Amino acid sequence: MAKSGKGYFNVGYILSVILAIIPVTSVILGILVRIQNKQYLGAILNFLLAPLFYIVDLITIILSNKLSFLA
């Protein structure tokens, strides 16, 4: 059974991992999640430092299914 929970907009574990693997969707969804959480500086840094945020977001989605680190 797949894990349910946070991920990107509560879409489920498997779909969140798939979206996190694709770099473009990972960056766009990471920015949107940070804006939704009212972390505007994090959203700007996510745009400017996309490769770093891509790796960190991918690891946190796989391990904990939520964007808790850097978000």
N, C-alpha and C. Protein backbone atom coordinates (compact mmCIF):
# COMPACT_ATOMS: atom_id res chain seq x y z
N MET A 1 0.84 -1.18 0.00
CA MET A 1 0.00 0.00 0.00
C MET A 1 0.88 1.24 0.00
N ALA A 2 0.52 2.21 -0.80
CA ALA A 2 1.30 3.43 -0.92
C ALA A 2 1.08 4.32 0.30
N LYS A 3 2.12 5.06 0.63
CA LYS A 3 2.01 5.99 1.75
C LYS A 3 1.11 7.15 1.36
N SER A 4 0.29 7.59 2.27
CA SER A 4 -0.50 8.79 2.03
C SER A 4 0.08 9.90 2.89
N GLY A 5 -0.22 11.13 2.55
CA GLY A 5 0.30 12.19 3.38
C GLY A 5 0.54 13.46 2.62
N LYS A 6 1.54 14.18 3.03
CA LYS A 6 1.79 15.52 2.52
C LYS A 6 2.23 15.53 1.07
N GLY A 7 3.48 15.27 0.82
CA GLY A 7 3.99 15.32 -0.55
C GLY A 7 3.72 16.68 -1.18
N TYR A 8 3.54 16.68 -2.49
CA TYR A 8 3.17 17.89 -3.18
C TYR A 8 1.65 17.98 -3.17
N PHE A 9 1.08 18.88 -2.43
CA PHE A 9 -0.36 19.16 -2.40
C PHE A 9 -1.19 17.91 -2.10
N ASN A 10 -0.69 17.03 -1.23
CA ASN A 10 -1.41 15.81 -0.79
C ASN A 10 -1.81 14.90 -1.94
N VAL A 11 -0.96 14.72 -2.94
CA VAL A 11 -1.30 13.87 -4.08
C VAL A 11 -0.91 12.42 -3.88
N GLY A 12 -0.26 12.07 -2.80
CA GLY A 12 0.14 10.71 -2.56
C GLY A 12 1.63 10.51 -2.77
N TYR A 13 2.14 9.43 -2.21
CA TYR A 13 3.58 9.19 -2.20
C TYR A 13 4.13 8.91 -3.60
N ILE A 14 3.53 7.99 -4.32
CA ILE A 14 4.07 7.57 -5.63
C ILE A 14 4.07 8.75 -6.60
N LEU A 15 2.96 9.47 -6.68
CA LEU A 15 2.89 10.60 -7.59
C LEU A 15 3.84 11.72 -7.17
N SER A 16 4.00 11.93 -5.88
CA SER A 16 4.95 12.94 -5.40
C SER A 16 6.38 12.59 -5.78
N VAL A 17 6.74 11.31 -5.69
CA VAL A 17 8.09 10.88 -6.07
C VAL A 17 8.29 11.07 -7.57
N ILE A 18 7.29 10.71 -8.36
CA ILE A 18 7.39 10.89 -9.81
C ILE A 18 7.56 12.37 -10.16
N LEU A 19 6.76 13.23 -9.54
CA LEU A 19 6.88 14.66 -9.79
C LEU A 19 8.21 15.23 -9.30
N ALA A 20 8.75 14.66 -8.22
CA ALA A 20 10.03 15.14 -7.69
C ALA A 20 11.20 14.70 -8.55
N ILE A 21 11.07 13.59 -9.26
CA ILE A 21 12.15 13.11 -10.11
C ILE A 21 12.34 14.00 -11.33
N ILE A 22 11.25 14.54 -11.86
CA ILE A 22 11.32 15.40 -13.03
C ILE A 22 11.77 16.79 -12.58
N PRO A 23 12.94 17.26 -13.02
CA PRO A 23 13.49 18.52 -12.49
C PRO A 23 12.58 19.73 -12.66
N VAL A 24 11.96 19.89 -13.81
CA VAL A 24 11.14 21.08 -14.05
C VAL A 24 9.93 21.11 -13.11
N THR A 25 9.24 19.99 -12.97
CA THR A 25 8.08 19.97 -12.09
C THR A 25 8.49 20.10 -10.63
N SER A 26 9.65 19.54 -10.28
CA SER A 26 10.12 19.65 -8.91
C SER A 26 10.38 21.11 -8.54
N VAL A 27 11.01 21.85 -9.43
CA VAL A 27 11.31 23.26 -9.15
C VAL A 27 10.02 24.07 -9.09
N ILE A 28 9.14 23.89 -10.07
CA ILE A 28 7.89 24.65 -10.10
C ILE A 28 7.02 24.34 -8.89
N LEU A 29 6.85 23.06 -8.57
CA LEU A 29 6.03 22.70 -7.42
C LEU A 29 6.68 23.11 -6.11
N GLY A 30 8.01 23.06 -6.04
CA GLY A 30 8.71 23.53 -4.85
C GLY A 30 8.48 25.01 -4.60
N ILE A 31 8.52 25.79 -5.67
CA ILE A 31 8.24 27.23 -5.55
C ILE A 31 6.80 27.46 -5.11
N LEU A 32 5.86 26.74 -5.71
CA LEU A 32 4.45 26.91 -5.35
C LEU A 32 4.16 26.50 -3.91
N VAL A 33 4.78 25.42 -3.44
CA VAL A 33 4.58 24.98 -2.06
C VAL A 33 5.14 26.01 -1.09
N ARG A 34 6.31 26.56 -1.41
CA ARG A 34 6.90 27.57 -0.53
C ARG A 34 6.08 28.86 -0.52
N ILE A 35 5.52 29.24 -1.66
CA ILE A 35 4.65 30.42 -1.69
C ILE A 35 3.37 30.16 -0.90
N GLN A 36 2.82 28.95 -1.03
CA GLN A 36 1.61 28.59 -0.29
C GLN A 36 1.87 28.63 1.23
N ASN A 37 3.08 28.26 1.65
CA ASN A 37 3.44 28.31 3.06
C ASN A 37 3.93 29.68 3.50
N LYS A 38 3.80 30.67 2.61
CA LYS A 38 4.21 32.06 2.87
C LYS A 38 5.70 32.18 3.19
N GLN A 39 6.51 31.38 2.51
CA GLN A 39 7.96 31.45 2.65
C GLN A 39 8.53 32.00 1.34
N TYR A 40 8.37 33.29 1.18
CA TYR A 40 8.71 33.94 -0.08
C TYR A 40 10.21 33.92 -0.36
N LEU A 41 11.02 34.07 0.67
CA LEU A 41 12.47 34.02 0.49
C LEU A 41 12.89 32.63 0.01
N GLY A 42 12.27 31.59 0.58
CA GLY A 42 12.56 30.23 0.14
C GLY A 42 12.16 30.01 -1.31
N ALA A 43 11.06 30.62 -1.74
CA ALA A 43 10.62 30.49 -3.13
C ALA A 43 11.60 31.18 -4.08
N ILE A 44 12.09 32.34 -3.68
CA ILE A 44 13.06 33.05 -4.51
C ILE A 44 14.37 32.28 -4.58
N LEU A 45 14.82 31.76 -3.42
CA LEU A 45 16.04 30.97 -3.41
C LEU A 45 15.88 29.68 -4.21
N ASN A 46 14.69 29.10 -4.18
CA ASN A 46 14.42 27.90 -4.97
C ASN A 46 14.57 28.20 -6.45
N PHE A 47 14.13 29.36 -6.87
CA PHE A 47 14.28 29.76 -8.27
C PHE A 47 15.74 29.99 -8.64
N LEU A 48 16.48 30.65 -7.75
CA LEU A 48 17.87 30.99 -8.05
C LEU A 48 18.83 29.82 -7.88
N LEU A 49 18.58 28.97 -6.91
CA LEU A 49 19.45 27.83 -6.62
C LEU A 49 18.75 26.51 -6.92
N ALA A 50 18.13 26.43 -8.08
CA ALA A 50 17.29 25.29 -8.45
C ALA A 50 17.99 23.93 -8.32
N PRO A 51 19.23 23.76 -8.75
CA PRO A 51 19.84 22.42 -8.63
C PRO A 51 19.98 21.94 -7.18
N LEU A 52 20.35 22.84 -6.28
CA LEU A 52 20.47 22.48 -4.88
C LEU A 52 19.11 22.10 -4.29
N PHE A 53 18.11 22.93 -4.55
CA PHE A 53 16.78 22.66 -4.04
C PHE A 53 16.18 21.40 -4.66
N TYR A 54 16.51 21.13 -5.92
CA TYR A 54 16.02 19.92 -6.59
C TYR A 54 16.50 18.68 -5.86
N ILE A 55 17.78 18.63 -5.53
CA ILE A 55 18.35 17.47 -4.85
C ILE A 55 17.78 17.32 -3.44
N VAL A 56 17.71 18.41 -2.71
CA VAL A 56 17.19 18.37 -1.33
C VAL A 56 15.71 17.99 -1.33
N ASP A 57 14.91 18.57 -2.22
CA ASP A 57 13.49 18.24 -2.29
C ASP A 57 13.28 16.78 -2.69
N LEU A 58 14.07 16.28 -3.62
CA LEU A 58 13.95 14.88 -4.04
C LEU A 58 14.24 13.94 -2.88
N ILE A 59 15.28 14.22 -2.13
CA ILE A 59 15.63 13.37 -0.99
C ILE A 59 14.55 13.43 0.09
N THR A 60 14.05 14.62 0.40
CA THR A 60 13.04 14.71 1.45
C THR A 60 11.71 14.11 1.03
N ILE A 61 11.34 14.20 -0.24
CA ILE A 61 10.10 13.56 -0.71
C ILE A 61 10.24 12.05 -0.61
N ILE A 62 11.38 11.50 -1.00
CA ILE A 62 11.57 10.05 -0.96
C ILE A 62 11.61 9.54 0.48
N LEU A 63 12.30 10.24 1.35
CA LEU A 63 12.46 9.75 2.72
C LEU A 63 11.26 10.03 3.62
N SER A 64 10.68 11.22 3.53
CA SER A 64 9.62 11.56 4.48
C SER A 64 8.31 11.97 3.85
N ASN A 65 8.26 12.05 2.52
CA ASN A 65 7.05 12.43 1.78
C ASN A 65 6.49 13.78 2.17
N LYS A 66 7.37 14.70 2.52
CA LYS A 66 6.93 16.08 2.76
C LYS A 66 8.11 17.01 2.55
N LEU A 67 7.81 18.22 2.19
CA LEU A 67 8.85 19.23 2.02
C LEU A 67 9.05 19.96 3.34
N SER A 68 9.84 19.36 4.21
CA SER A 68 10.05 19.98 5.52
C SER A 68 11.40 20.67 5.61
N PHE A 69 12.34 20.24 4.80
CA PHE A 69 13.68 20.83 4.84
C PHE A 69 13.76 21.92 3.79
N LEU A 70 14.22 23.07 4.14
CA LEU A 70 14.32 24.25 3.27
C LEU A 70 12.95 24.75 2.83
N ALA A 71 11.92 24.35 3.52
CA ALA A 71 10.58 24.83 3.16
C ALA A 71 9.85 25.33 4.37
